[in-house]
Amino acid sequence: MKKSILGLFAVSAIAGAIGATGSAFAADAAGALTLSAEEKEKAKKIYFERCAGCHGVLRKGATGKNLEPHWSKKDKDGNMQEGGTLKLGQGRLEKIIANGTDGGMVNFDDILTKEEIALMSKYIQNTPDVPPEYSFKETVDSWKVIVPVDKRPKKQMNKINLKNLFSVTLRDTGEVALIDGDTKEIRSIVKTGYAVHISRLSASGRYVYVIGRDGRLSLIDLWMESPSVVAEVKIGFDARSVDTSKFKGFEDKYAIAGSYWPPQYVIMDGDTLKPLKVVGTRGMTVDGEYHPEPRVASIVASFIKPEWVVNIKETGQILLVDYSDIKNLKTTTIGSAKFLHDGGWDASKRYFLVAANASNKIAAVDTKTGKLAALVDTAKIPHPGRGANFTHPQFGPVWTTGHLGADVLTLISTPSDKKSDAKFKQHNWKVVQEVKHVPGNLFVKTHPKSKHLWADSPQNPDKTLAESVAVWNMSDLSKPVKVINVAKDSGLPETKATRRAVHPEYSADGKEVWISLWGGKTDQSAIVVYDDATLTLKKVITDPKMITPTGKFNVYNTQHDIY
């Protein structure tokens, strides 16, 4: 097993890019601490791998706090507020990084050494460098077709039940493990980008599109005797999102991937990843201010029109990108709230609900009318993943989000065209219930064939809570029917490091729930499988190659947006 996250995967492109335009570190303000060139390179790499996703490359903040050395802004009353890492100081910063926060930042004392924590505290007290741009030509130059379309199988060449295959992110090794949901065997481990954020399925279910945080997009062909990458492209230095075209007549004709840095998205051929167009997203926020780093957060494909829903984090703008004519691209811009993150479809797949998490709101887009359907106030820092849809006994169809910064799950009433649901219309787009949970939740999940609602809490600073998941019976949400200590159930040796139980994912038939047990950098990790009906342990999948598993995506459920 690898001994340190710093040696797991080379991200020299972004690490070098983050400092490409700056000179050697010098104290740029009173109290800022100098770093040697070697220390600076090390700090940049850690920042990219562990911090940039929440705080931004330019450190202006989003899900996480602003980490600039000094900042000033007006509050809601018009009074000027000032702050910054210089004001917090070295000692306070070290405590925050080591211990985490109640707002959902994990404790890094079991991820980074004391020396690394001190280094990062110094690093963020200096002005961030602006990394270079990444052009369309550079995107094209990075494109590789490993297996041409005409050389690929004409039929499935393996005996895997692809409907129940799981694509599992092995975060720190830059790999995806393809695990057979029937046999629980690892069928293939595929080299991908660093810390794959999501796996998305083609409309046909044949291809898996996976994108790493380093901007590397890989296309995996599941029909091959041993599923493997058949094409890849680098769409930026830092990225999170990908999807394909799914409207009738355009199935998998195109793919789209969004970049955190530079802030842009790339449209490609669906079966080869050949880049076709790059579109920048810099612009004005919903508050009327220019932002230099409006990152592309979640992307989903509409089922109603040939459009993608593209959520721009910092600006709070939701783009409906019409892919029916790529050369003459048409985009509808919908204002919502700042710091858009992730989200999912309601049960009807007409409305997409996305968390504006630092604004404590959920935005709902009507993909039929192309307008904002609602902007719903919620508890602190909603983080739904894809969310969870079910029928509430009192309020009818609801969509559920958990929270990084609050001790509840929020249930929002969603519209339905069924006559039997007309009586619930009065509740639509209102928070109808807050279910008691704990802060630090990342994902909630259920299944149409299940009576249970599952929620993790991997970002909670309490070790026991971070290693556990809670389960409710949807007919009575007053309290969990069971809180499961996944780390204990795994049978792995006890460690001082927190092994975070993260990302419940159902099997295709809705009978099993898979939980990633995300171990420390020197500890064995595992995937722990539970019987959904009895909530009892069914299987522990572990292997020396199972290093830091995080997100898991069942092929059938992901293909059909079942959650």
Protein backbone atom coordinates (compact mmCIF):
# COMPACT_ATOMS: atom_id res chain seq x y z
CA MET A 1 0.00 0.00 0.00
CA LYS A 2 1.14 3.54 -0.69
CA LYS A 3 2.62 5.34 2.31
CA SER A 4 1.70 8.96 1.58
CA ILE A 5 -0.86 10.89 -0.41
CA LEU A 6 2.01 13.03 -1.67
CA GLY A 7 3.39 10.13 -3.67
CA LEU A 8 0.15 8.64 -4.89
CA PHE A 9 -0.36 10.52 -8.11
CA ALA A 10 1.64 13.17 -9.93
CA VAL A 11 -0.37 16.31 -10.51
CA SER A 12 2.59 18.33 -11.67
CA ALA A 13 0.56 20.13 -14.33
CA ILE A 14 -1.75 21.91 -11.92
CA ALA A 15 0.86 22.15 -9.17
CA GLY A 16 3.21 23.84 -11.58
CA ALA A 17 0.42 25.89 -13.07
CA ILE A 18 -0.67 27.31 -9.74
CA GLY A 19 2.74 28.90 -9.36
CA ALA A 20 3.64 29.53 -12.98
CA THR A 21 3.04 33.27 -12.95
CA GLY A 22 4.43 34.03 -9.51
CA SER A 23 7.93 34.68 -8.29
CA ALA A 24 9.58 32.77 -5.45
CA PHE A 25 7.61 33.17 -2.28
CA ALA A 26 8.32 36.36 -0.41
CA ALA A 27 6.41 37.78 2.49
CA ASP A 28 3.87 39.99 0.74
CA ALA A 29 2.23 41.48 3.82
CA ALA A 30 3.00 41.95 7.47
CA GLY A 31 2.88 38.58 9.22
CA ALA A 32 3.10 36.47 6.06
CA LEU A 33 5.77 33.79 6.29
CA THR A 34 8.30 32.97 3.62
CA LEU A 35 8.66 29.54 2.05
CA SER A 36 11.52 28.00 0.15
CA ALA A 37 10.95 26.99 -3.46
CA GLU A 38 10.79 23.33 -2.40
CA GLU A 39 8.27 24.06 0.37
CA LYS A 40 6.15 26.08 -2.01
CA GLU A 41 5.96 23.27 -4.57
CA LYS A 42 4.98 20.80 -1.88
CA ALA A 43 2.31 23.14 -0.50
CA LYS A 44 0.84 23.79 -3.96
CA LYS A 45 0.46 20.06 -4.54
CA ILE A 46 -1.28 19.50 -1.21
CA TYR A 47 -3.54 22.48 -1.82
CA PHE A 48 -4.62 21.15 -5.20
CA GLU A 49 -5.26 17.64 -3.92
CA ARG A 50 -7.00 18.56 -0.69
CA CYS A 51 -8.19 22.17 -0.63
CA ALA A 52 -8.87 23.72 -4.06
CA GLY A 53 -12.18 21.91 -4.58
CA CYS A 54 -13.90 23.76 -1.73
CA HIS A 55 -11.85 26.96 -1.52
CA GLY A 56 -11.00 27.57 -5.20
CA VAL A 57 -7.68 27.89 -7.02
CA LEU A 58 -7.72 31.66 -6.33
CA ARG A 59 -8.86 30.92 -2.75
CA LYS A 60 -11.92 33.16 -2.97
CA GLY A 61 -14.08 30.46 -1.39
CA ALA A 62 -17.35 28.73 -2.26
CA THR A 63 -18.35 25.68 -0.24
CA GLY A 64 -15.30 26.49 1.88
CA LYS A 65 -14.27 29.84 3.33
CA ASN A 66 -12.28 32.57 1.55
CA LEU A 67 -8.58 31.81 2.13
CA GLU A 68 -7.03 34.98 0.75
CA PRO A 69 -4.50 36.70 3.05
CA HIS A 70 -6.82 39.69 3.25
CA TRP A 71 -10.36 40.30 2.08
CA SER A 72 -13.05 42.91 2.59
CA LYS A 73 -16.73 42.94 1.68
CA LYS A 74 -19.97 44.60 2.62
CA ASP A 75 -22.44 42.70 4.76
CA LYS A 76 -26.21 42.72 4.20
CA ASP A 77 -26.48 45.98 6.13
CA GLY A 78 -23.87 47.71 3.99
CA ASN A 79 -21.13 47.63 6.62
CA MET A 80 -17.61 46.77 5.50
CA GLN A 81 -16.29 43.51 6.93
CA GLU A 82 -12.65 42.51 6.80
CA GLY A 83 -10.84 39.26 7.37
CA GLY A 84 -8.28 36.88 5.93
CA THR A 85 -5.72 34.27 6.78
CA LEU A 86 -3.23 36.89 7.97
CA LYS A 87 -5.73 38.05 10.56
CA LEU A 88 -6.24 34.48 11.81
CA GLY A 89 -2.51 33.88 12.15
CA GLN A 90 -0.32 30.80 12.09
CA GLY A 91 -1.42 29.20 15.36
CA ARG A 92 -5.14 29.57 14.70
CA LEU A 93 -4.81 28.28 11.13
CA GLU A 94 -2.92 25.20 12.29
CA LYS A 95 -5.72 24.39 14.77
CA ILE A 96 -8.42 24.82 12.11
CA ILE A 97 -6.63 22.59 9.61
CA ALA A 98 -5.82 19.95 12.23
CA ASN A 99 -9.22 19.81 13.95
CA GLY A 100 -11.66 20.71 11.18
CA THR A 101 -14.78 22.80 11.66
CA ASP A 102 -18.46 22.36 12.44
CA GLY A 103 -19.19 23.71 8.96
CA GLY A 104 -18.11 20.45 7.35
CA MET A 105 -14.33 20.74 6.95
CA VAL A 106 -12.73 17.49 8.07
CA ASN A 107 -9.88 17.22 10.53
CA PHE A 108 -6.61 16.87 8.65
CA ASP A 109 -4.55 15.65 11.59
CA ASP A 110 -4.98 12.07 10.39
CA ILE A 111 -4.34 13.00 6.74
CA LEU A 112 -1.43 15.45 6.95
CA THR A 113 1.61 15.42 9.24
CA LYS A 114 2.17 18.21 11.77
CA GLU A 115 4.87 19.60 9.49
CA GLU A 116 2.50 19.60 6.51
CA ILE A 117 -0.21 21.34 8.55
CA ALA A 118 2.27 24.02 9.56
CA LEU A 119 3.39 24.34 5.93
CA MET A 120 -0.17 24.78 4.65
CA SER A 121 -0.88 27.40 7.32
CA LYS A 122 2.10 29.40 6.06
CA TYR A 123 1.18 28.84 2.40
CA ILE A 124 -2.32 30.29 2.64
CA GLN A 125 -1.03 33.44 4.32
CA ASN A 126 0.63 34.38 1.03
CA THR A 127 -1.15 35.77 -2.03
CA PRO A 128 -2.26 32.96 -4.38
CA ASP A 129 -0.68 32.79 -7.83
CA VAL A 130 -2.91 32.85 -10.90
CA PRO A 131 -2.42 29.69 -12.98
CA PRO A 132 -2.26 29.86 -16.78
CA GLU A 133 -5.15 29.33 -19.15
CA TYR A 134 -5.75 26.08 -21.02
CA SER A 135 -6.59 26.57 -24.68
CA PHE A 136 -8.69 24.63 -27.15
CA LYS A 137 -5.46 23.69 -28.95
CA GLU A 138 -4.01 22.26 -25.76
CA THR A 139 -7.23 20.28 -25.26
CA VAL A 140 -6.99 18.89 -28.79
CA ASP A 141 -3.30 18.09 -28.35
CA SER A 142 -4.10 16.04 -25.23
CA TRP A 143 -6.76 13.93 -27.00
CA LYS A 144 -6.00 10.23 -27.51
CA VAL A 145 -8.07 7.49 -29.14
CA ILE A 146 -6.60 4.30 -27.73
CA VAL A 147 -9.04 1.94 -29.45
CA PRO A 148 -10.77 3.33 -32.58
CA VAL A 149 -14.52 2.89 -32.81
CA ASP A 150 -14.28 0.37 -35.66
CA LYS A 151 -11.86 -1.76 -33.64
CA ARG A 152 -14.14 -2.01 -30.62
CA PRO A 153 -16.35 -5.07 -29.96
CA LYS A 154 -19.64 -5.36 -31.80
CA LYS A 155 -21.16 -7.11 -28.78
CA GLN A 156 -20.38 -7.62 -25.10
CA MET A 157 -17.27 -9.82 -24.88
CA ASN A 158 -17.43 -10.59 -21.15
CA LYS A 159 -20.00 -12.30 -18.95
CA ILE A 160 -20.40 -9.50 -16.41
CA ASN A 161 -23.94 -8.48 -15.51
CA LEU A 162 -23.35 -4.89 -16.59
CA LYS A 163 -26.60 -3.67 -15.06
CA ASN A 164 -25.24 -4.46 -11.62
CA LEU A 165 -21.66 -3.38 -12.18
CA PHE A 166 -20.24 -0.69 -9.86
CA SER A 167 -17.72 1.92 -10.94
CA VAL A 168 -15.78 2.75 -7.76
CA THR A 169 -13.41 5.69 -7.39
CA LEU A 170 -10.05 4.81 -5.81
CA ARG A 171 -9.33 8.41 -4.92
CA ASP A 172 -5.66 8.60 -4.17
CA THR A 173 -4.33 6.15 -6.76
CA GLY A 174 -6.00 7.76 -9.76
CA GLU A 175 -7.96 4.63 -10.62
CA VAL A 176 -11.47 3.25 -10.95
CA ALA A 177 -12.31 -0.27 -9.77
CA LEU A 178 -15.07 -2.01 -11.70
CA ILE A 179 -16.72 -4.39 -9.24
CA ASP A 180 -19.24 -7.10 -10.13
CA GLY A 181 -22.34 -6.45 -8.03
CA ASP A 182 -23.41 -10.09 -8.26
CA THR A 183 -20.14 -11.81 -7.30
CA LYS A 184 -18.54 -8.86 -5.41
CA GLU A 185 -15.33 -9.47 -7.39
CA ILE A 186 -13.09 -6.73 -8.77
CA ARG A 187 -13.33 -7.26 -12.53
CA SER A 188 -10.93 -4.56 -13.61
CA ILE A 189 -8.91 -1.68 -12.18
CA VAL A 190 -8.59 1.08 -14.73
CA LYS A 191 -6.04 3.90 -14.64
CA THR A 192 -7.84 7.24 -14.85
CA GLY A 193 -7.35 10.80 -13.69
CA TYR A 194 -6.50 11.70 -10.09
CA ALA A 195 -9.37 11.50 -7.58
CA VAL A 196 -12.19 10.75 -10.03
CA HIS A 197 -15.15 12.86 -8.97
CA ILE A 198 -17.97 11.10 -10.80
CA SER A 199 -18.71 8.25 -13.19
CA ARG A 200 -21.45 8.85 -15.75
CA LEU A 201 -23.02 6.28 -18.06
CA SER A 202 -23.79 6.52 -21.73
CA ALA A 203 -27.47 6.37 -22.66
CA SER A 204 -26.90 2.81 -23.90
CA GLY A 205 -25.11 1.71 -20.72
CA ARG A 206 -22.07 0.56 -22.70
CA TYR A 207 -19.63 3.37 -21.85
CA VAL A 208 -18.55 4.87 -18.54
CA TYR A 209 -17.27 8.45 -18.58
CA VAL A 210 -15.04 9.25 -15.60
CA ILE A 211 -13.40 12.58 -14.87
CA GLY A 212 -10.56 13.21 -12.46
CA ARG A 213 -9.90 16.33 -10.45
CA ASP A 214 -6.84 16.84 -12.65
CA GLY A 215 -9.11 17.39 -15.66
CA ARG A 216 -8.42 14.04 -17.29
CA LEU A 217 -11.55 12.53 -18.88
CA SER A 218 -11.49 8.80 -19.59
CA LEU A 219 -13.93 6.77 -21.68
CA ILE A 220 -14.25 3.13 -20.52
CA ASP A 221 -15.78 0.51 -22.82
CA LEU A 222 -17.64 -2.09 -20.73
CA TRP A 223 -18.10 -4.44 -23.69
CA MET A 224 -14.39 -5.32 -23.91
CA GLU A 225 -13.23 -8.66 -22.54
CA SER A 226 -11.55 -6.69 -19.77
CA PRO A 227 -13.24 -3.27 -19.60
CA SER A 228 -10.66 -0.56 -20.22
CA VAL A 229 -10.10 3.00 -21.43
CA VAL A 230 -10.63 3.49 -25.18
CA ALA A 231 -10.22 7.28 -25.35
CA GLU A 232 -9.12 10.14 -23.14
CA VAL A 233 -8.64 13.90 -23.16
CA LYS A 234 -7.56 16.56 -20.68
CA ILE A 235 -10.13 19.38 -20.54
CA GLY A 236 -8.41 21.60 -17.96
CA PHE A 237 -6.20 21.57 -14.89
CA ASP A 238 -9.01 20.93 -12.39
CA ALA A 239 -12.45 19.45 -13.12
CA ARG A 240 -15.50 17.74 -11.62
CA SER A 241 -18.34 17.09 -14.09
CA VAL A 242 -19.24 15.16 -17.22
CA ASP A 243 -22.36 13.92 -19.02
CA THR A 244 -23.57 12.92 -22.47
CA SER A 245 -26.42 13.90 -24.76
CA LYS A 246 -29.50 11.83 -23.92
CA PHE A 247 -32.44 13.35 -25.80
CA LYS A 248 -34.05 11.09 -28.41
CA GLY A 249 -32.03 11.16 -31.61
CA PHE A 250 -28.92 12.50 -29.88
CA GLU A 251 -28.15 9.56 -27.58
CA ASP A 252 -24.41 9.71 -26.79
CA LYS A 253 -23.68 11.80 -29.89
CA TYR A 254 -21.96 14.35 -27.70
CA ALA A 255 -20.23 14.52 -24.34
CA ILE A 256 -19.69 17.61 -22.20
CA ALA A 257 -17.18 18.12 -19.39
CA GLY A 258 -16.85 21.09 -17.06
CA SER A 259 -13.64 22.58 -15.70
CA TYR A 260 -12.89 24.27 -12.39
CA TRP A 261 -9.74 25.80 -13.83
CA PRO A 262 -9.82 27.37 -16.27
CA PRO A 263 -13.52 28.14 -15.78
CA GLN A 264 -14.98 26.65 -18.97
CA TYR A 265 -16.69 23.62 -20.46
CA VAL A 266 -15.75 21.45 -23.43
CA ILE A 267 -18.11 19.72 -25.88
CA MET A 268 -16.81 16.54 -27.53
CA ASP A 269 -17.82 13.64 -29.75
CA GLY A 270 -19.47 11.08 -27.49
CA ASP A 271 -17.69 7.95 -28.71
CA THR A 272 -14.17 9.33 -29.25
CA LEU A 273 -13.96 12.40 -26.97
CA LYS A 274 -12.73 14.48 -29.92
CA PRO A 275 -12.95 18.11 -28.72
CA LEU A 276 -15.43 20.19 -30.74
CA LYS A 277 -15.88 23.42 -28.81
CA VAL A 278 -14.71 25.12 -25.63
CA VAL A 279 -16.86 27.75 -23.92
CA GLY A 280 -15.67 30.05 -21.13
CA THR A 281 -17.88 30.79 -18.12
CA ARG A 282 -16.31 33.94 -16.66
CA GLY A 283 -18.84 36.68 -16.10
CA MET A 284 -21.19 38.39 -13.70
CA THR A 285 -22.66 36.86 -10.59
CA VAL A 286 -26.37 37.02 -9.80
CA ASP A 287 -25.44 39.96 -7.55
CA GLY A 288 -24.05 41.89 -10.52
CA GLU A 289 -20.36 41.54 -9.70
CA TYR A 290 -17.64 40.17 -11.97
CA HIS A 291 -16.01 36.93 -10.85
CA PRO A 292 -12.71 35.65 -12.30
CA GLU A 293 -13.20 31.99 -11.34
CA PRO A 294 -16.79 30.83 -11.99
CA ARG A 295 -16.21 27.08 -11.91
CA VAL A 296 -18.42 24.57 -13.71
CA ALA A 297 -20.05 22.43 -11.03
CA SER A 298 -22.65 19.74 -11.83
CA ILE A 299 -23.83 18.97 -15.37
CA VAL A 300 -26.85 16.84 -16.28
CA ALA A 301 -28.60 16.01 -19.55
CA SER A 302 -32.26 16.95 -19.96
CA PHE A 303 -34.72 14.20 -20.87
CA ILE A 304 -37.20 16.72 -22.33
CA LYS A 305 -35.08 18.75 -24.74
CA PRO A 306 -31.65 18.47 -26.43
CA GLU A 307 -30.10 20.48 -23.60
CA TRP A 308 -27.58 20.19 -20.82
CA VAL A 309 -28.15 21.82 -17.44
CA VAL A 310 -24.78 23.40 -16.59
CA ASN A 311 -24.44 24.89 -13.11
CA ILE A 312 -21.87 27.66 -12.65
CA LYS A 313 -20.72 27.68 -9.04
CA GLU A 314 -19.52 31.20 -8.19
CA THR A 315 -21.92 33.19 -10.37
CA GLY A 316 -25.10 31.35 -9.37
CA GLN A 317 -26.06 31.16 -13.05
CA ILE A 318 -27.67 27.99 -14.42
CA LEU A 319 -27.07 27.47 -18.14
CA LEU A 320 -29.34 25.46 -20.40
CA VAL A 321 -27.01 24.61 -23.29
CA ASP A 322 -28.83 23.56 -26.49
CA TYR A 323 -26.70 20.95 -28.27
CA SER A 324 -28.97 20.53 -31.31
CA ASP A 325 -26.63 22.83 -33.27
CA ILE A 326 -23.11 22.82 -31.82
CA LYS A 327 -21.74 25.28 -34.37
CA ASN A 328 -24.41 27.85 -33.52
CA LEU A 329 -24.66 27.21 -29.81
CA LYS A 330 -27.68 28.64 -28.00
CA THR A 331 -27.69 29.07 -24.24
CA THR A 332 -30.42 30.09 -21.80
CA THR A 333 -29.11 31.74 -18.63
CA ILE A 334 -31.14 31.37 -15.45
CA GLY A 335 -30.21 33.34 -12.35
CA SER A 336 -30.51 31.48 -9.04
CA ALA A 337 -28.11 31.82 -6.08
CA LYS A 338 -24.35 31.78 -5.69
CA PHE A 339 -22.11 28.79 -5.10
CA LEU A 340 -24.05 26.17 -7.03
CA HIS A 341 -22.73 22.69 -6.37
CA ASP A 342 -24.40 19.32 -6.94
CA GLY A 343 -27.97 18.13 -7.28
CA GLY A 344 -30.36 15.69 -8.89
CA TRP A 345 -33.66 15.16 -10.66
CA ASP A 346 -37.03 14.98 -8.99
CA ALA A 347 -39.02 11.78 -9.51
CA SER A 348 -40.62 13.08 -12.74
CA LYS A 349 -37.21 14.04 -14.22
CA ARG A 350 -38.67 17.37 -15.28
CA TYR A 351 -37.14 19.43 -12.49
CA PHE A 352 -33.47 19.57 -11.60
CA LEU A 353 -32.72 20.59 -8.02
CA VAL A 354 -29.26 21.94 -7.25
CA ALA A 355 -27.69 23.15 -4.01
CA ALA A 356 -26.50 26.74 -3.81
CA ASN A 357 -24.75 25.53 -0.72
CA ALA A 358 -22.96 28.60 0.65
CA SER A 359 -26.22 30.56 0.13
CA ASN A 360 -28.18 27.90 2.04
CA LYS A 361 -30.67 27.42 -0.79
CA ILE A 362 -31.88 24.81 -3.25
CA ALA A 363 -32.60 26.03 -6.79
CA ALA A 364 -35.12 24.11 -8.91
CA VAL A 365 -35.03 24.41 -12.71
CA ASP A 366 -38.02 23.51 -14.87
CA THR A 367 -36.39 21.95 -17.93
CA LYS A 368 -39.73 21.99 -19.79
CA THR A 369 -40.28 25.75 -19.58
CA GLY A 370 -36.61 26.67 -19.30
CA LYS A 371 -37.19 28.78 -16.21
CA LEU A 372 -36.41 28.81 -12.51
CA ALA A 373 -39.23 26.96 -10.77
CA ALA A 374 -38.24 27.80 -7.19
CA LEU A 375 -35.51 28.99 -4.88
CA VAL A 376 -35.96 27.25 -1.55
CA ASP A 377 -34.31 28.38 1.70
CA THR A 378 -32.76 25.53 3.68
CA ALA A 379 -30.56 24.87 6.69
CA LYS A 380 -26.83 25.54 6.47
CA ILE A 381 -24.75 24.23 3.55
CA PRO A 382 -27.00 21.74 1.73
CA HIS A 383 -25.02 18.96 0.02
CA PRO A 384 -27.39 16.48 -1.65
CA GLY A 385 -25.15 14.52 -3.97
CA ARG A 386 -27.97 13.53 -6.30
CA GLY A 387 -30.51 13.67 -3.48
CA ALA A 388 -33.20 11.12 -2.73
CA ASN A 389 -36.77 10.86 -4.07
CA PHE A 390 -39.61 9.12 -2.27
CA THR A 391 -43.31 9.50 -1.43
CA HIS A 392 -43.86 10.97 2.00
CA PRO A 393 -46.91 9.57 3.83
CA GLN A 394 -48.16 13.09 4.64
CA PHE A 395 -46.72 15.37 1.95
CA GLY A 396 -46.50 13.18 -1.16
CA PRO A 397 -43.50 13.26 -3.53
CA VAL A 398 -40.41 14.80 -1.91
CA TRP A 399 -36.76 15.28 -2.80
CA THR A 400 -34.22 15.12 0.00
CA THR A 401 -30.90 16.79 0.71
CA GLY A 402 -28.49 16.44 3.60
CA HIS A 403 -26.25 19.20 4.96
CA LEU A 404 -22.57 19.71 5.63
CA GLY A 405 -23.26 22.40 8.19
CA ALA A 406 -26.59 21.47 9.81
CA ASP A 407 -27.94 18.54 11.83
CA VAL A 408 -30.92 17.77 9.59
CA LEU A 409 -32.02 16.21 6.33
CA THR A 410 -34.31 18.59 4.41
CA LEU A 411 -37.39 17.28 2.59
CA ILE A 412 -38.78 19.47 -0.21
CA SER A 413 -42.18 18.82 -1.80
CA THR A 414 -41.96 18.38 -5.59
CA PRO A 415 -44.75 18.65 -8.22
CA SER A 416 -46.45 15.63 -9.72
CA ASP A 417 -48.81 15.22 -12.70
CA LYS A 418 -50.58 12.26 -11.07
CA LYS A 419 -54.20 12.99 -10.15
CA SER A 420 -53.71 11.18 -6.86
CA ASP A 421 -51.00 13.73 -5.95
CA ALA A 422 -53.11 16.83 -6.63
CA LYS A 423 -53.87 17.14 -2.90
CA PHE A 424 -50.17 17.77 -2.22
CA LYS A 425 -49.88 20.74 -4.61
CA GLN A 426 -50.16 23.26 -1.78
CA HIS A 427 -46.85 21.99 -0.39
CA ASN A 428 -44.85 22.17 -3.66
CA TRP A 429 -41.42 23.81 -3.36
CA LYS A 430 -41.73 24.13 0.39
CA VAL A 431 -39.60 22.50 3.06
CA VAL A 432 -42.13 20.09 4.53
CA GLN A 433 -39.91 18.37 7.09
CA GLU A 434 -36.46 18.52 8.63
CA VAL A 435 -35.34 15.07 9.75
CA LYS A 436 -32.91 15.04 12.67
CA HIS A 437 -29.41 13.87 11.64
CA VAL A 438 -25.86 15.13 12.38
CA PRO A 439 -23.70 17.71 10.54
CA GLY A 440 -21.10 16.56 8.05
CA ASN A 441 -23.44 14.69 5.71
CA LEU A 442 -22.39 14.32 2.06
CA PHE A 443 -24.89 11.90 0.54
CA VAL A 444 -28.45 10.67 1.03
CA LYS A 445 -29.87 7.76 -0.93
CA THR A 446 -32.94 5.60 -1.40
CA HIS A 447 -34.42 3.41 -4.13
CA PRO A 448 -37.95 2.99 -5.57
CA LYS A 449 -38.04 -0.60 -4.27
CA SER A 450 -36.80 0.30 -0.79
CA LYS A 451 -38.58 1.48 2.35
CA HIS A 452 -35.37 2.99 3.74
CA LEU A 453 -33.53 6.30 3.54
CA TRP A 454 -29.75 6.20 4.13
CA ALA A 455 -27.47 9.11 5.09
CA ASP A 456 -23.75 9.26 5.81
CA SER A 457 -21.80 11.82 7.89
CA PRO A 458 -18.15 11.45 6.79
CA GLN A 459 -17.30 15.13 7.34
CA ASN A 460 -18.35 15.09 10.98
CA PRO A 461 -15.39 15.79 13.31
CA ASP A 462 -16.49 13.02 15.68
CA LYS A 463 -14.70 9.80 14.69
CA THR A 464 -17.58 7.45 15.55
CA LEU A 465 -20.13 9.53 13.65
CA ALA A 466 -17.83 9.86 10.62
CA GLU A 467 -17.46 6.07 10.55
CA SER A 468 -21.22 5.44 10.73
CA VAL A 469 -24.36 5.80 8.63
CA ALA A 470 -27.95 6.34 9.73
CA VAL A 471 -31.02 4.62 8.27
CA TRP A 472 -34.68 5.70 8.54
CA ASN A 473 -37.90 3.92 7.65
CA MET A 474 -39.64 6.35 5.32
CA SER A 475 -43.01 5.67 6.94
CA ASP A 476 -41.69 7.12 10.22
CA LEU A 477 -38.86 9.65 10.02
CA SER A 478 -39.00 10.67 13.67
CA LYS A 479 -35.75 8.83 14.39
CA PRO A 480 -33.40 6.39 12.64
CA VAL A 481 -34.32 2.74 12.82
CA LYS A 482 -30.60 2.01 13.00
CA VAL A 483 -27.25 3.78 13.19
CA ILE A 484 -24.61 1.48 11.72
CA ASN A 485 -20.93 1.65 12.62
CA VAL A 486 -19.52 0.66 9.25
CA ALA A 487 -15.90 0.69 10.41
CA LYS A 488 -16.70 -1.80 13.17
CA ASP A 489 -18.69 -4.01 10.80
CA SER A 490 -15.80 -4.11 8.34
CA GLY A 491 -13.71 -6.26 10.70
CA LEU A 492 -10.60 -4.31 9.76
CA PRO A 493 -8.10 -3.53 12.53
CA GLU A 494 -8.89 -0.49 14.67
CA THR A 495 -6.87 2.63 13.77
CA LYS A 496 -6.35 6.10 15.15
CA ALA A 497 -7.16 7.54 11.75
CA THR A 498 -10.82 8.09 10.87
CA ARG A 499 -12.13 5.63 8.30
CA ARG A 500 -14.98 7.63 6.81
CA ALA A 501 -18.18 5.81 5.84
CA VAL A 502 -19.26 7.56 2.67
CA HIS A 503 -21.66 7.42 -0.28
CA PRO A 504 -24.45 4.84 0.11
CA GLU A 505 -25.23 3.30 -3.28
CA TYR A 506 -27.95 0.77 -4.11
CA SER A 507 -27.61 -2.32 -6.25
CA ALA A 508 -29.69 -2.36 -9.44
CA ASP A 509 -32.49 -4.36 -7.82
CA GLY A 510 -32.62 -2.14 -4.72
CA LYS A 511 -31.81 -5.02 -2.37
CA GLU A 512 -28.27 -4.04 -1.32
CA VAL A 513 -26.60 -0.85 -0.15
CA TRP A 514 -22.85 -0.42 -0.66
CA ILE A 515 -20.87 1.91 1.65
CA SER A 516 -17.28 3.02 1.02
CA LEU A 517 -15.04 2.84 4.07
CA TRP A 518 -12.49 5.49 3.19
CA GLY A 519 -9.42 4.67 5.25
CA GLY A 520 -6.42 6.74 6.22
CA LYS A 521 -3.42 7.01 3.96
CA THR A 522 -1.68 3.95 5.48
CA ASP A 523 -4.78 1.91 6.41
CA GLN A 524 -6.68 -0.74 4.50
CA SER A 525 -9.98 0.49 3.07
CA ALA A 526 -13.06 -1.51 2.12
CA ILE A 527 -16.55 -1.48 0.67
CA VAL A 528 -19.12 -2.79 3.10
CA VAL A 529 -22.36 -4.24 1.69
CA TYR A 530 -25.64 -4.35 3.61
CA ASP A 531 -28.96 -6.07 3.05
CA ASP A 532 -31.43 -3.21 2.67
CA ALA A 533 -34.41 -5.16 3.98
CA THR A 534 -32.80 -6.36 7.23
CA LEU A 535 -30.03 -3.72 7.59
CA THR A 536 -27.58 -6.51 8.32
CA LEU A 537 -24.03 -6.96 7.09
CA LYS A 538 -23.82 -8.99 3.91
CA LYS A 539 -20.28 -8.70 2.56
CA VAL A 540 -17.00 -6.86 3.11
CA ILE A 541 -15.08 -6.25 -0.12
CA THR A 542 -11.43 -5.56 0.62
CA ASP A 543 -8.19 -5.99 -1.24
CA PRO A 544 -4.67 -4.49 -1.07
CA LYS A 545 -5.59 -2.64 -4.27
CA MET A 546 -8.72 -1.16 -2.61
CA ILE A 547 -7.07 2.15 -1.70
CA THR A 548 -9.22 5.08 -0.52
CA PRO A 549 -12.54 4.16 -2.21
CA THR A 550 -15.02 7.02 -2.26
CA GLY A 551 -17.86 7.40 -4.82
CA LYS A 552 -19.54 4.29 -6.22
CA PHE A 553 -21.86 4.34 -9.19
CA ASN A 554 -24.11 1.40 -10.06
CA VAL A 555 -24.34 1.22 -13.85
CA TYR A 556 -28.13 0.74 -14.09
CA ASN A 557 -29.06 3.28 -11.43
CA THR A 558 -26.69 5.88 -12.83
CA GLN A 559 -27.81 5.24 -16.41
CA HIS A 560 -31.46 5.80 -15.45
CA ASP A 561 -30.96 8.44 -12.71
CA ILE A 562 -32.50 6.32 -9.98
CA TYR A 563 -32.04 7.75 -6.49
